[in-house]
Amino acid sequence: MLTLRRLAPDDDAAVHRIFRATLGLGSPLPFEPVAFDLYSRLCLGWYLGPGRARARAVVAEDRVVGYVLVGADPRGQRRWTAPRAGAYAAAVTTASLTRPRHDPGLTFGRLRVRDGWVARNGPAPMPVHALMNLDPSVRITEAGRLMREHVDDVCWLLGAPGWYGEVNAPVGRRARALERVVG
């Protein structure tokens, strides 16, 4: 049976494990990304720190098998993220001076810096956003419903009109990727 509960401090390692294990379109990356620790902190740190109150763990048999991280403070998150994004961009730039141009770990880093720049300069489609991720063993289960309901509840409590999330998927397969995570 799957349940959703508040994210406890000792759940952080499980969140990082699932994040890393699913980074490559739901699977582990076949290479080592440049400055992965900085990237991981950039992606997850806000939700495991100042934004933790809205974070939830998906649990099966006392084991964290997924997470839903909800952001509802865009200004606070931007302030928190800015110096960390700069540190990550600097690390990727530094690595580009010593690593081969077509190194997959470096390419991954350059693309993430570009994605961050694009996201920073565009308006958010809704005031609330969610990052959801599941261990492959519990995909296409009631976990998706539990996570969606949590984000909907956050929106309701805040009086927000809706939320958005992003999914990484090959072109033409976004619907299947959404189904994989949220049912």
N, C-alpha and C. Protein backbone atom coordinates (compact mmCIF):
# COMPACT_ATOMS: atom_id res chain seq x y z
N MET A 1 0.84 -1.18 0.00
CA MET A 1 0.00 0.00 0.00
C MET A 1 0.89 1.25 0.00
N LEU A 2 0.53 2.19 -0.82
CA LEU A 2 1.28 3.45 -0.91
C LEU A 2 0.59 4.51 -0.06
N THR A 3 1.40 5.31 0.62
CA THR A 3 0.88 6.43 1.39
C THR A 3 1.71 7.67 1.08
N LEU A 4 1.13 8.80 1.41
CA LEU A 4 1.82 10.08 1.24
C LEU A 4 1.95 10.69 2.62
N ARG A 5 3.14 11.14 2.98
CA ARG A 5 3.36 11.77 4.28
C ARG A 5 4.33 12.93 4.13
N ARG A 6 4.36 13.76 5.17
CA ARG A 6 5.32 14.87 5.18
C ARG A 6 6.73 14.33 5.00
N LEU A 7 7.54 15.09 4.33
CA LEU A 7 8.93 14.72 4.13
C LEU A 7 9.68 14.92 5.45
N ALA A 8 10.27 13.86 5.96
CA ALA A 8 11.04 13.93 7.21
C ALA A 8 12.50 14.25 6.88
N PRO A 9 13.25 14.81 7.83
CA PRO A 9 14.65 15.14 7.56
C PRO A 9 15.48 13.95 7.09
N ASP A 10 15.20 12.77 7.59
CA ASP A 10 15.99 11.61 7.16
C ASP A 10 15.54 11.05 5.81
N ASP A 11 14.59 11.71 5.16
CA ASP A 11 14.16 11.31 3.81
C ASP A 11 15.00 11.94 2.71
N ASP A 12 15.81 12.93 3.05
CA ASP A 12 16.56 13.66 2.02
C ASP A 12 17.42 12.74 1.16
N ALA A 13 18.07 11.77 1.78
CA ALA A 13 18.93 10.85 1.02
C ALA A 13 18.11 10.07 0.00
N ALA A 14 16.89 9.67 0.37
CA ALA A 14 16.03 8.94 -0.56
C ALA A 14 15.60 9.84 -1.72
N VAL A 15 15.30 11.10 -1.43
CA VAL A 15 14.93 12.04 -2.50
C VAL A 15 16.09 12.18 -3.48
N HIS A 16 17.29 12.37 -2.96
CA HIS A 16 18.46 12.49 -3.83
C HIS A 16 18.70 11.20 -4.62
N ARG A 17 18.49 10.05 -3.99
CA ARG A 17 18.68 8.77 -4.68
C ARG A 17 17.71 8.63 -5.84
N ILE A 18 16.44 8.94 -5.61
CA ILE A 18 15.43 8.83 -6.66
C ILE A 18 15.71 9.85 -7.76
N PHE A 19 16.07 11.07 -7.37
CA PHE A 19 16.40 12.11 -8.35
C PHE A 19 17.50 11.63 -9.29
N ARG A 20 18.56 11.11 -8.71
CA ARG A 20 19.69 10.65 -9.53
C ARG A 20 19.32 9.44 -10.37
N ALA A 21 18.55 8.52 -9.81
CA ALA A 21 18.20 7.28 -10.51
C ALA A 21 17.22 7.50 -11.66
N THR A 22 16.60 8.67 -11.71
CA THR A 22 15.58 8.91 -12.74
C THR A 22 15.91 10.12 -13.62
N LEU A 23 17.11 10.65 -13.50
CA LEU A 23 17.48 11.89 -14.17
C LEU A 23 17.48 11.79 -15.69
N GLY A 24 17.76 10.64 -16.23
CA GLY A 24 17.82 10.45 -17.68
C GLY A 24 16.51 9.92 -18.23
N LEU A 25 15.49 10.76 -18.28
CA LEU A 25 14.17 10.37 -18.79
C LEU A 25 13.62 9.16 -18.06
N GLY A 26 13.74 9.17 -16.74
CA GLY A 26 13.20 8.10 -15.92
C GLY A 26 14.18 7.00 -15.58
N SER A 27 15.40 7.13 -16.04
CA SER A 27 16.46 6.14 -15.78
C SER A 27 17.72 6.88 -15.35
N PRO A 28 18.70 6.15 -14.81
CA PRO A 28 19.97 6.81 -14.47
C PRO A 28 20.68 7.28 -15.74
N LEU A 29 21.44 8.35 -15.61
CA LEU A 29 22.25 8.81 -16.74
C LEU A 29 23.39 7.82 -16.96
N PRO A 30 23.77 7.58 -18.21
CA PRO A 30 24.86 6.64 -18.49
C PRO A 30 26.25 7.30 -18.41
N PHE A 31 26.33 8.47 -17.81
CA PHE A 31 27.59 9.21 -17.68
C PHE A 31 27.51 10.03 -16.41
N GLU A 32 28.64 10.57 -16.01
CA GLU A 32 28.70 11.41 -14.81
C GLU A 32 28.55 12.88 -15.23
N PRO A 33 27.48 13.54 -14.79
CA PRO A 33 27.31 14.95 -15.12
C PRO A 33 28.36 15.82 -14.44
N VAL A 34 28.73 16.90 -15.09
CA VAL A 34 29.64 17.89 -14.50
C VAL A 34 28.97 18.50 -13.27
N ALA A 35 29.71 18.61 -12.19
CA ALA A 35 29.25 19.30 -10.97
C ALA A 35 27.89 18.80 -10.50
N PHE A 36 27.74 17.48 -10.46
CA PHE A 36 26.42 16.92 -10.12
C PHE A 36 25.94 17.35 -8.74
N ASP A 37 26.82 17.42 -7.76
CA ASP A 37 26.39 17.83 -6.42
C ASP A 37 25.79 19.23 -6.44
N LEU A 38 26.42 20.15 -7.17
CA LEU A 38 25.87 21.50 -7.28
C LEU A 38 24.52 21.49 -8.00
N TYR A 39 24.43 20.68 -9.05
CA TYR A 39 23.18 20.59 -9.80
C TYR A 39 22.06 20.02 -8.93
N SER A 40 22.36 18.98 -8.21
CA SER A 40 21.37 18.35 -7.34
C SER A 40 20.87 19.33 -6.28
N ARG A 41 21.80 20.06 -5.66
CA ARG A 41 21.40 21.06 -4.66
C ARG A 41 20.59 22.18 -5.29
N LEU A 42 20.95 22.58 -6.50
CA LEU A 42 20.20 23.62 -7.21
C LEU A 42 18.77 23.16 -7.46
N CYS A 43 18.60 21.93 -7.89
CA CYS A 43 17.27 21.41 -8.23
C CYS A 43 16.42 21.09 -7.01
N LEU A 44 17.03 20.55 -5.96
CA LEU A 44 16.27 20.03 -4.83
C LEU A 44 16.37 20.88 -3.56
N GLY A 45 17.42 21.67 -3.45
CA GLY A 45 17.72 22.35 -2.19
C GLY A 45 16.62 23.24 -1.65
N TRP A 46 15.96 24.00 -2.51
CA TRP A 46 14.89 24.87 -2.05
C TRP A 46 13.78 24.06 -1.38
N TYR A 47 13.41 22.97 -2.01
CA TYR A 47 12.30 22.15 -1.52
C TYR A 47 12.67 21.38 -0.26
N LEU A 48 13.95 21.08 -0.09
CA LEU A 48 14.41 20.36 1.10
C LEU A 48 14.81 21.32 2.21
N GLY A 49 14.77 22.61 1.91
CA GLY A 49 15.10 23.65 2.88
C GLY A 49 13.91 24.55 3.11
N PRO A 50 13.97 25.80 2.60
CA PRO A 50 12.90 26.77 2.86
C PRO A 50 11.52 26.33 2.38
N GLY A 51 11.43 25.53 1.33
CA GLY A 51 10.14 25.11 0.79
C GLY A 51 9.66 23.77 1.30
N ARG A 52 10.28 23.26 2.32
CA ARG A 52 10.02 21.89 2.81
C ARG A 52 8.59 21.67 3.31
N ALA A 53 7.93 22.67 3.83
CA ALA A 53 6.61 22.48 4.44
C ALA A 53 5.60 21.84 3.49
N ARG A 54 5.77 22.04 2.20
CA ARG A 54 4.81 21.49 1.23
C ARG A 54 5.31 20.22 0.56
N ALA A 55 6.48 19.75 0.95
CA ALA A 55 7.06 18.54 0.35
C ALA A 55 6.47 17.28 0.99
N ARG A 56 6.27 16.27 0.16
CA ARG A 56 5.73 14.99 0.65
C ARG A 56 6.53 13.83 0.08
N ALA A 57 6.54 12.75 0.85
CA ALA A 57 7.19 11.51 0.42
C ALA A 57 6.12 10.48 0.10
N VAL A 58 6.33 9.73 -0.97
CA VAL A 58 5.50 8.58 -1.29
C VAL A 58 6.19 7.39 -0.63
N VAL A 59 5.45 6.67 0.19
CA VAL A 59 6.04 5.60 0.99
C VAL A 59 5.35 4.27 0.71
N ALA A 60 6.15 3.23 0.55
CA ALA A 60 5.66 1.85 0.40
C ALA A 60 6.44 0.99 1.39
N GLU A 61 5.73 0.37 2.30
CA GLU A 61 6.36 -0.51 3.29
C GLU A 61 7.53 0.18 4.00
N ASP A 62 7.29 1.37 4.51
CA ASP A 62 8.28 2.16 5.25
C ASP A 62 9.48 2.58 4.42
N ARG A 63 9.38 2.54 3.12
CA ARG A 63 10.48 2.94 2.23
C ARG A 63 10.00 4.08 1.33
N VAL A 64 10.79 5.15 1.25
CA VAL A 64 10.44 6.26 0.36
C VAL A 64 10.67 5.81 -1.08
N VAL A 65 9.60 5.86 -1.88
CA VAL A 65 9.67 5.42 -3.28
C VAL A 65 9.32 6.55 -4.25
N GLY A 66 9.09 7.73 -3.71
CA GLY A 66 8.78 8.87 -4.57
C GLY A 66 8.66 10.13 -3.75
N TYR A 67 8.50 11.23 -4.46
CA TYR A 67 8.35 12.51 -3.77
C TYR A 67 7.55 13.46 -4.64
N VAL A 68 6.90 14.40 -3.96
CA VAL A 68 6.27 15.53 -4.63
C VAL A 68 6.73 16.77 -3.88
N LEU A 69 7.39 17.66 -4.60
CA LEU A 69 7.94 18.89 -4.05
C LEU A 69 7.17 20.05 -4.66
N VAL A 70 6.57 20.87 -3.82
CA VAL A 70 5.67 21.92 -4.29
C VAL A 70 6.28 23.28 -4.00
N GLY A 71 6.33 24.12 -5.02
CA GLY A 71 6.82 25.48 -4.90
C GLY A 71 5.68 26.47 -5.01
N ALA A 72 5.54 27.33 -4.01
CA ALA A 72 4.47 28.32 -4.03
C ALA A 72 4.96 29.69 -3.58
N ASP A 73 6.26 29.90 -3.59
CA ASP A 73 6.86 31.18 -3.22
C ASP A 73 7.88 31.55 -4.30
N PRO A 74 7.41 31.98 -5.48
CA PRO A 74 8.33 32.23 -6.58
C PRO A 74 9.43 33.24 -6.25
N ARG A 75 9.11 34.31 -5.55
CA ARG A 75 10.13 35.32 -5.23
C ARG A 75 11.19 34.74 -4.29
N GLY A 76 10.74 34.08 -3.25
CA GLY A 76 11.68 33.48 -2.31
C GLY A 76 12.54 32.43 -2.97
N GLN A 77 11.93 31.65 -3.83
CA GLN A 77 12.69 30.61 -4.51
C GLN A 77 13.72 31.21 -5.47
N ARG A 78 13.35 32.26 -6.17
CA ARG A 78 14.31 32.92 -7.08
C ARG A 78 15.50 33.49 -6.30
N ARG A 79 15.21 34.12 -5.16
CA ARG A 79 16.30 34.67 -4.33
C ARG A 79 17.22 33.55 -3.86
N TRP A 80 16.64 32.43 -3.44
CA TRP A 80 17.43 31.30 -2.95
C TRP A 80 18.22 30.66 -4.09
N THR A 81 17.61 30.55 -5.25
CA THR A 81 18.19 29.83 -6.38
C THR A 81 19.31 30.62 -7.07
N ALA A 82 19.18 31.93 -7.16
CA ALA A 82 20.11 32.74 -7.96
C ALA A 82 21.58 32.46 -7.66
N PRO A 83 22.05 32.53 -6.42
CA PRO A 83 23.48 32.28 -6.21
C PRO A 83 23.89 30.84 -6.51
N ARG A 84 22.99 29.91 -6.29
CA ARG A 84 23.31 28.51 -6.58
C ARG A 84 23.35 28.24 -8.08
N ALA A 85 22.47 28.91 -8.81
CA ALA A 85 22.50 28.78 -10.28
C ALA A 85 23.79 29.38 -10.82
N GLY A 86 24.21 30.50 -10.25
CA GLY A 86 25.48 31.11 -10.66
C GLY A 86 26.66 30.20 -10.38
N ALA A 87 26.66 29.55 -9.23
CA ALA A 87 27.75 28.62 -8.88
C ALA A 87 27.77 27.44 -9.83
N TYR A 88 26.59 26.93 -10.17
CA TYR A 88 26.53 25.79 -11.10
C TYR A 88 27.01 26.22 -12.49
N ALA A 89 26.54 27.36 -12.97
CA ALA A 89 26.97 27.85 -14.28
C ALA A 89 28.48 28.07 -14.31
N ALA A 90 29.04 28.60 -13.23
CA ALA A 90 30.49 28.80 -13.16
C ALA A 90 31.23 27.47 -13.20
N ALA A 91 30.72 26.46 -12.51
CA ALA A 91 31.36 25.14 -12.51
C ALA A 91 31.32 24.51 -13.90
N VAL A 92 30.20 24.66 -14.59
CA VAL A 92 30.09 24.12 -15.95
C VAL A 92 31.04 24.87 -16.88
N THR A 93 31.11 26.19 -16.74
CA THR A 93 32.02 26.99 -17.57
C THR A 93 33.47 26.59 -17.31
N THR A 94 33.83 26.43 -16.06
CA THR A 94 35.20 26.01 -15.72
C THR A 94 35.50 24.63 -16.31
N ALA A 95 34.55 23.71 -16.20
CA ALA A 95 34.75 22.36 -16.75
C ALA A 95 34.92 22.40 -18.26
N SER A 96 34.28 23.37 -18.90
CA SER A 96 34.39 23.46 -20.37
C SER A 96 35.80 23.84 -20.82
N LEU A 97 36.61 24.35 -19.90
CA LEU A 97 37.98 24.71 -20.24
C LEU A 97 38.92 23.50 -20.24
N THR A 98 38.51 22.43 -19.56
CA THR A 98 39.41 21.28 -19.41
C THR A 98 38.85 19.97 -19.96
N ARG A 99 37.58 19.93 -20.23
CA ARG A 99 36.99 18.67 -20.71
C ARG A 99 36.75 18.74 -22.21
N PRO A 100 36.73 17.60 -22.87
CA PRO A 100 36.44 17.59 -24.31
C PRO A 100 35.07 18.21 -24.60
N ARG A 101 34.98 18.92 -25.68
CA ARG A 101 33.76 19.65 -26.04
C ARG A 101 32.53 18.76 -26.08
N HIS A 102 32.67 17.54 -26.57
CA HIS A 102 31.52 16.65 -26.73
C HIS A 102 31.37 15.66 -25.57
N ASP A 103 32.03 15.91 -24.46
CA ASP A 103 31.88 15.09 -23.27
C ASP A 103 30.40 15.12 -22.85
N PRO A 104 29.74 13.97 -22.69
CA PRO A 104 28.31 13.98 -22.37
C PRO A 104 27.98 14.65 -21.04
N GLY A 105 28.86 14.53 -20.05
CA GLY A 105 28.62 15.19 -18.77
C GLY A 105 28.66 16.70 -18.89
N LEU A 106 29.54 17.19 -19.76
CA LEU A 106 29.64 18.63 -20.01
C LEU A 106 28.44 19.11 -20.83
N THR A 107 28.07 18.35 -21.85
CA THR A 107 26.90 18.70 -22.66
C THR A 107 25.65 18.78 -21.78
N PHE A 108 25.49 17.81 -20.90
CA PHE A 108 24.36 17.82 -19.96
C PHE A 108 24.37 19.13 -19.17
N GLY A 109 25.52 19.51 -18.64
CA GLY A 109 25.63 20.73 -17.86
C GLY A 109 25.30 21.97 -18.67
N ARG A 110 25.85 22.06 -19.88
CA ARG A 110 25.56 23.23 -20.73
C ARG A 110 24.07 23.34 -21.02
N LEU A 111 23.44 22.20 -21.30
CA LEU A 111 22.01 22.22 -21.60
C LEU A 111 21.19 22.62 -20.37
N ARG A 112 21.60 22.20 -19.19
CA ARG A 112 20.88 22.58 -17.97
C ARG A 112 21.04 24.07 -17.69
N VAL A 113 22.22 24.62 -17.94
CA VAL A 113 22.42 26.06 -17.78
C VAL A 113 21.52 26.81 -18.75
N ARG A 114 21.47 26.36 -19.99
CA ARG A 114 20.59 26.99 -20.98
C ARG A 114 19.13 26.90 -20.55
N ASP A 115 18.70 25.72 -20.10
CA ASP A 115 17.31 25.56 -19.64
C ASP A 115 16.99 26.52 -18.50
N GLY A 116 17.93 26.66 -17.57
CA GLY A 116 17.73 27.57 -16.45
C GLY A 116 17.60 29.01 -16.89
N TRP A 117 18.41 29.40 -17.87
CA TRP A 117 18.34 30.76 -18.39
C TRP A 117 16.99 31.03 -19.04
N VAL A 118 16.53 30.08 -19.84
CA VAL A 118 15.23 30.21 -20.50
C VAL A 118 14.11 30.30 -19.46
N ALA A 119 14.14 29.41 -18.47
CA ALA A 119 13.09 29.39 -17.44
C ALA A 119 13.09 30.69 -16.63
N ARG A 120 14.27 31.21 -16.34
CA ARG A 120 14.38 32.43 -15.54
C ARG A 120 13.79 33.63 -16.26
N ASN A 121 13.87 33.64 -17.55
CA ASN A 121 13.45 34.80 -18.32
C ASN A 121 12.03 34.71 -18.86
N GLY A 122 11.32 33.66 -18.53
CA GLY A 122 9.94 33.54 -18.98
C GLY A 122 8.99 33.55 -17.80
N PRO A 123 7.75 33.93 -18.05
CA PRO A 123 6.77 33.94 -16.95
C PRO A 123 6.34 32.51 -16.60
N ALA A 124 6.06 32.29 -15.34
CA ALA A 124 5.53 30.99 -14.91
C ALA A 124 4.07 30.90 -15.34
N PRO A 125 3.63 29.76 -15.84
CA PRO A 125 2.25 29.65 -16.30
C PRO A 125 1.22 29.65 -15.17
N MET A 126 1.62 29.31 -13.96
CA MET A 126 0.74 29.28 -12.80
C MET A 126 1.56 29.67 -11.57
N PRO A 127 0.90 30.07 -10.48
CA PRO A 127 1.64 30.49 -9.30
C PRO A 127 2.25 29.33 -8.49
N VAL A 128 1.80 28.12 -8.72
CA VAL A 128 2.29 26.95 -7.98
C VAL A 128 2.87 25.96 -8.98
N HIS A 129 3.97 25.35 -8.62
CA HIS A 129 4.54 24.31 -9.48
C HIS A 129 4.91 23.10 -8.63
N ALA A 130 5.07 21.97 -9.30
CA ALA A 130 5.38 20.74 -8.58
C ALA A 130 6.44 19.94 -9.32
N LEU A 131 7.32 19.34 -8.54
CA LEU A 131 8.28 18.36 -9.04
C LEU A 131 7.85 17.02 -8.45
N MET A 132 7.57 16.07 -9.31
CA MET A 132 7.14 14.75 -8.86
C MET A 132 8.06 13.71 -9.45
N ASN A 133 8.39 12.72 -8.65
CA ASN A 133 9.26 11.68 -9.15
C ASN A 133 8.99 10.39 -8.40
N LEU A 134 9.06 9.29 -9.12
CA LEU A 134 8.78 7.98 -8.55
C LEU A 134 9.84 6.97 -8.93
N ASP A 135 10.10 6.09 -8.01
CA ASP A 135 10.90 4.91 -8.30
C ASP A 135 10.16 4.11 -9.38
N PRO A 136 10.88 3.53 -10.34
CA PRO A 136 10.20 2.77 -11.40
C PRO A 136 9.26 1.68 -10.89
N SER A 137 9.51 1.16 -9.71
CA SER A 137 8.68 0.07 -9.18
C SER A 137 7.26 0.49 -8.84
N VAL A 138 7.01 1.79 -8.71
CA VAL A 138 5.67 2.25 -8.33
C VAL A 138 5.04 3.18 -9.36
N ARG A 139 5.57 3.19 -10.54
CA ARG A 139 4.97 4.02 -11.59
C ARG A 139 3.66 3.39 -12.05
N ILE A 140 2.78 4.24 -12.52
CA ILE A 140 1.44 3.83 -12.97
C ILE A 140 0.73 3.08 -11.84
N THR A 141 0.72 3.68 -10.66
CA THR A 141 0.00 3.17 -9.50
C THR A 141 -0.80 4.33 -8.93
N GLU A 142 -1.38 4.12 -7.75
CA GLU A 142 -2.13 5.19 -7.11
C GLU A 142 -1.23 6.32 -6.62
N ALA A 143 0.08 6.16 -6.73
CA ALA A 143 1.01 7.21 -6.30
C ALA A 143 0.74 8.51 -7.05
N GLY A 144 0.49 8.42 -8.34
CA GLY A 144 0.21 9.62 -9.13
C GLY A 144 -0.99 10.37 -8.61
N ARG A 145 -2.04 9.64 -8.28
CA ARG A 145 -3.25 10.27 -7.74
C ARG A 145 -2.95 10.95 -6.41
N LEU A 146 -2.22 10.27 -5.54
CA LEU A 146 -1.87 10.85 -4.24
C LEU A 146 -1.08 12.15 -4.41
N MET A 147 -0.13 12.15 -5.32
CA MET A 147 0.69 13.34 -5.54
C MET A 147 -0.14 14.47 -6.13
N ARG A 148 -0.97 14.16 -7.13
CA ARG A 148 -1.83 15.20 -7.74
C ARG A 148 -2.75 15.82 -6.70
N GLU A 149 -3.36 14.96 -5.88
CA GLU A 149 -4.28 15.47 -4.87
C GLU A 149 -3.56 16.39 -3.88
N HIS A 150 -2.34 16.06 -3.52
CA HIS A 150 -1.59 16.93 -2.60
C HIS A 150 -1.37 18.30 -3.23
N VAL A 151 -0.95 18.34 -4.48
CA VAL A 151 -0.70 19.64 -5.13
C VAL A 151 -2.01 20.40 -5.29
N ASP A 152 -3.08 19.71 -5.64
CA ASP A 152 -4.39 20.36 -5.73
C ASP A 152 -4.79 20.95 -4.37
N ASP A 153 -4.54 20.21 -3.29
CA ASP A 153 -4.86 20.71 -1.95
C ASP A 153 -4.06 21.97 -1.61
N VAL A 154 -2.78 21.99 -1.97
CA VAL A 154 -1.96 23.18 -1.74
C VAL A 154 -2.57 24.37 -2.48
N CYS A 155 -2.94 24.16 -3.73
CA CYS A 155 -3.56 25.25 -4.51
C CYS A 155 -4.84 25.74 -3.84
N TRP A 156 -5.66 24.81 -3.41
CA TRP A 156 -6.92 25.17 -2.77
C TRP A 156 -6.66 26.00 -1.50
N LEU A 157 -5.71 25.54 -0.67
CA LEU A 157 -5.40 26.26 0.57
C LEU A 157 -4.85 27.66 0.31
N LEU A 158 -4.10 27.82 -0.77
CA LEU A 158 -3.52 29.12 -1.10
C LEU A 158 -4.44 29.99 -1.95
N GLY A 159 -5.54 29.43 -2.41
CA GLY A 159 -6.42 30.16 -3.31
C GLY A 159 -5.82 30.34 -4.70
N ALA A 160 -4.90 29.46 -5.06
CA ALA A 160 -4.24 29.54 -6.38
C ALA A 160 -5.13 28.91 -7.44
N PRO A 161 -5.15 29.48 -8.64
CA PRO A 161 -6.03 28.95 -9.70
C PRO A 161 -5.57 27.62 -10.28
N GLY A 162 -4.32 27.24 -10.05
CA GLY A 162 -3.84 25.99 -10.61
C GLY A 162 -2.35 25.85 -10.40
N TRP A 163 -1.80 24.79 -10.97
CA TRP A 163 -0.38 24.50 -10.82
C TRP A 163 0.15 23.95 -12.14
N TYR A 164 1.47 23.92 -12.23
CA TYR A 164 2.10 23.33 -13.40
C TYR A 164 3.27 22.48 -12.97
N GLY A 165 3.65 21.60 -13.82
CA GLY A 165 4.83 20.78 -13.63
C GLY A 165 5.45 20.56 -14.98
N GLU A 166 6.67 20.17 -14.99
CA GLU A 166 7.34 19.88 -16.24
C GLU A 166 7.75 18.42 -16.24
N VAL A 167 7.80 17.85 -17.42
CA VAL A 167 8.22 16.46 -17.53
C VAL A 167 9.26 16.37 -18.62
N ASN A 168 10.30 15.61 -18.35
CA ASN A 168 11.32 15.37 -19.36
C ASN A 168 10.91 14.16 -20.17
N ALA A 169 10.84 14.33 -21.46
CA ALA A 169 10.43 13.23 -22.33
C ALA A 169 10.94 13.48 -23.73
N PRO A 170 11.20 12.40 -24.47
CA PRO A 170 11.56 12.59 -25.88
C PRO A 170 10.39 13.24 -26.62
N VAL A 171 10.71 13.95 -27.68
CA VAL A 171 9.68 14.61 -28.48
C VAL A 171 8.64 13.59 -28.91
N GLY A 172 7.36 13.95 -28.75
CA GLY A 172 6.27 13.08 -29.15
C GLY A 172 5.88 12.05 -28.11
N ARG A 173 6.56 12.04 -26.97
CA ARG A 173 6.25 11.03 -25.95
C ARG A 173 5.92 11.65 -24.60
N ARG A 174 5.56 12.90 -24.60
CA ARG A 174 5.28 13.59 -23.34
C ARG A 174 4.08 12.98 -22.62
N ALA A 175 3.03 12.64 -23.34
CA ALA A 175 1.84 12.06 -22.71
C ALA A 175 2.20 10.76 -22.00
N ARG A 176 3.02 9.95 -22.63
CA ARG A 176 3.43 8.68 -22.02
C ARG A 176 4.28 8.95 -20.77
N ALA A 177 5.13 9.96 -20.82
CA ALA A 177 5.94 10.29 -19.66
C ALA A 177 5.07 10.79 -18.50
N LEU A 178 4.07 11.59 -18.80
CA LEU A 178 3.15 12.04 -17.76
C LEU A 178 2.41 10.86 -17.15
N GLU A 179 1.97 9.97 -17.99
CA GLU A 179 1.28 8.77 -17.52
C GLU A 179 2.19 7.95 -16.61
N ARG A 180 3.45 7.88 -16.96
CA ARG A 180 4.43 7.13 -16.18
C ARG A 180 4.52 7.66 -14.75
N VAL A 181 4.45 8.97 -14.60
CA VAL A 181 4.63 9.57 -13.28
C VAL A 181 3.32 9.77 -12.54
N VAL A 182 2.34 10.37 -13.18
CA VAL A 182 1.12 10.74 -12.46
C VAL A 182 -0.12 9.95 -12.85
N GLY A 183 0.01 8.98 -13.67
CA GLY A 183 -1.13 8.11 -13.98
C GLY A 183 -2.06 8.66 -15.03
